[in-house]
Amino acid sequence: MRKNDKTYKLMVSKMHEVAAVPTQNLGPFTFIYKKLIPYFKFSPWRSAAIISFAATVFLYLLLGSTLVRLASALQFGF
């Protein structure tokens, strides 16, 4: 019954197309990519928190108290 359905055949062909995607090659960064990606896959919230904290500290060191004024202005605007 399903074998004659056009939508089913289309979906099966798309699934095979998606399954045939080659592995990513990032040149010299492939090794780093393969080491970092498991951390993002298995603990995305922890990774996001660490990256957000690091970005905040970096911006504070870069902009200083201007960052506080910018955050206040953005909060006031929204």
C-alpha atoms as a PDB file:
ATOM      1  CA  MET A   1       0.000   0.000   0.000  1.00  0.00           C
ATOM      2  CA  ARG A   2       2.697   2.505   0.961  1.00  0.00           C
ATOM      3  CA  LYS A   3       5.018   1.446  -1.830  1.00  0.00           C
ATOM      4  CA  ASN A   4       2.704   3.015  -4.435  1.00  0.00           C
ATOM      5  CA  ASP A   5       2.301   6.318  -2.600  1.00  0.00           C
ATOM      6  CA  LYS A   6       4.120   9.205  -4.354  1.00  0.00           C
ATOM      7  CA  THR A   7       4.644  11.139  -1.124  1.00  0.00           C
ATOM      8  CA  TYR A   8       6.185   8.091   0.525  1.00  0.00           C
ATOM      9  CA  LYS A   9       8.580   7.592  -2.380  1.00  0.00           C
ATOM     10  CA  LEU A  10       9.558  11.254  -2.294  1.00  0.00           C
ATOM     11  CA  MET A  11      10.216  11.129   1.444  1.00  0.00           C
ATOM     12  CA  VAL A  12      12.283   7.945   1.147  1.00  0.00           C
ATOM     13  CA  SER A  13      14.398   9.491  -1.604  1.00  0.00           C
ATOM     14  CA  LYS A  14      14.940  12.628   0.516  1.00  0.00           C
ATOM     15  CA  MET A  15      15.921  10.497   3.528  1.00  0.00           C
ATOM     16  CA  HIS A  16      18.505   8.659   1.438  1.00  0.00           C
ATOM     17  CA  GLU A  17      19.764  11.984   0.111  1.00  0.00           C
ATOM     18  CA  VAL A  18      20.217  13.368   3.631  1.00  0.00           C
ATOM     19  CA  ALA A  19      21.897  10.166   4.808  1.00  0.00           C
ATOM     20  CA  ALA A  20      24.480  10.465   2.023  1.00  0.00           C
ATOM     21  CA  VAL A  21      25.996  13.731   3.331  1.00  0.00           C
ATOM     22  CA  PRO A  22      29.807  13.457   3.396  1.00  0.00           C
ATOM     23  CA  THR A  23      31.783  14.193   6.557  1.00  0.00           C
ATOM     24  CA  GLN A  24      32.903  17.755   7.183  1.00  0.00           C
ATOM     25  CA  ASN A  25      36.464  18.677   6.306  1.00  0.00           C
ATOM     26  CA  LEU A  26      37.701  21.938   7.776  1.00  0.00           C
ATOM     27  CA  GLY A  27      41.304  21.607   6.717  1.00  0.00           C
ATOM     28  CA  PRO A  28      43.728  22.252   9.587  1.00  0.00           C
ATOM     29  CA  PHE A  29      40.840  22.928  12.006  1.00  0.00           C
ATOM     30  CA  THR A  30      39.214  19.481  11.629  1.00  0.00           C
ATOM     31  CA  PHE A  31      41.052  18.062  14.665  1.00  0.00           C
ATOM     32  CA  ILE A  32      39.961  20.993  16.863  1.00  0.00           C
ATOM     33  CA  TYR A  33      36.395  20.730  15.517  1.00  0.00           C
ATOM     34  CA  LYS A  34      36.199  17.019  16.382  1.00  0.00           C
ATOM     35  CA  LYS A  35      37.480  17.690  19.918  1.00  0.00           C
ATOM     36  CA  LEU A  36      35.132  20.629  20.663  1.00  0.00           C
ATOM     37  CA  ILE A  37      31.834  19.492  19.130  1.00  0.00           C
ATOM     38  CA  PRO A  38      31.110  16.658  21.636  1.00  0.00           C
ATOM     39  CA  TYR A  39      31.088  19.216  24.477  1.00  0.00           C
ATOM     40  CA  PHE A  40      28.489  21.307  22.648  1.00  0.00           C
ATOM     41  CA  LYS A  41      26.363  18.244  21.824  1.00  0.00           C
ATOM     42  CA  PHE A  42      26.302  16.687  25.287  1.00  0.00           C
ATOM     43  CA  SER A  43      26.173  19.810  27.474  1.00  0.00           C
ATOM     44  CA  PRO A  44      24.938  22.753  25.392  1.00  0.00           C
ATOM     45  CA  TRP A  45      23.662  24.819  28.343  1.00  0.00           C
ATOM     46  CA  ARG A  46      26.915  24.532  30.247  1.00  0.00           C
ATOM     47  CA  SER A  47      28.880  25.412  27.118  1.00  0.00           C
ATOM     48  CA  ALA A  48      26.630  28.407  26.428  1.00  0.00           C
ATOM     49  CA  ALA A  49      27.021  29.638  30.011  1.00  0.00           C
ATOM     50  CA  ILE A  50      30.812  29.393  29.861  1.00  0.00           C
ATOM     51  CA  ILE A  51      30.985  31.133  26.472  1.00  0.00           C
ATOM     52  CA  SER A  52      28.580  33.877  27.624  1.00  0.00           C
ATOM     53  CA  PHE A  53      30.592  34.489  30.782  1.00  0.00           C
ATOM     54  CA  ALA A  54      33.859  34.639  28.834  1.00  0.00           C
ATOM     55  CA  ALA A  55      32.347  37.036  26.272  1.00  0.00           C
ATOM     56  CA  THR A  56      31.010  39.276  29.049  1.00  0.00           C
ATOM     57  CA  VAL A  57      34.385  39.445  30.799  1.00  0.00           C
ATOM     58  CA  PHE A  58      36.127  40.120  27.473  1.00  0.00           C
ATOM     59  CA  LEU A  59      33.706  42.927  26.577  1.00  0.00           C
ATOM     60  CA  TYR A  60      34.029  44.440  30.051  1.00  0.00           C
ATOM     61  CA  LEU A  61      37.820  44.433  29.748  1.00  0.00           C
ATOM     62  CA  LEU A  62      37.552  45.907  26.247  1.00  0.00           C
ATOM     63  CA  LEU A  63      34.859  48.545  26.832  1.00  0.00           C
ATOM     64  CA  GLY A  64      34.994  49.070  30.591  1.00  0.00           C
ATOM     65  CA  SER A  65      32.147  51.036  32.121  1.00  0.00           C
ATOM     66  CA  THR A  66      30.823  51.840  28.638  1.00  0.00           C
ATOM     67  CA  LEU A  67      29.451  48.302  28.575  1.00  0.00           C
ATOM     68  CA  VAL A  68      27.328  49.053  31.648  1.00  0.00           C
ATOM     69  CA  ARG A  69      25.964  52.213  30.004  1.00  0.00           C
ATOM     70  CA  LEU A  70      25.246  50.299  26.797  1.00  0.00           C
ATOM     71  CA  ALA A  71      23.361  47.581  28.692  1.00  0.00           C
ATOM     72  CA  SER A  72      21.352  50.228  30.574  1.00  0.00           C
ATOM     73  CA  ALA A  73      20.474  52.029  27.333  1.00  0.00           C
ATOM     74  CA  LEU A  74      19.391  48.773  25.689  1.00  0.00           C
ATOM     75  CA  GLN A  75      17.228  47.844  28.687  1.00  0.00           C
ATOM     76  CA  PHE A  76      15.632  51.286  28.664  1.00  0.00           C
ATOM     77  CA  GLY A  77      14.913  51.028  24.932  1.00  0.00           C
ATOM     78  CA  PHE A  78      13.195  47.661  25.213  1.00  0.00           C
END
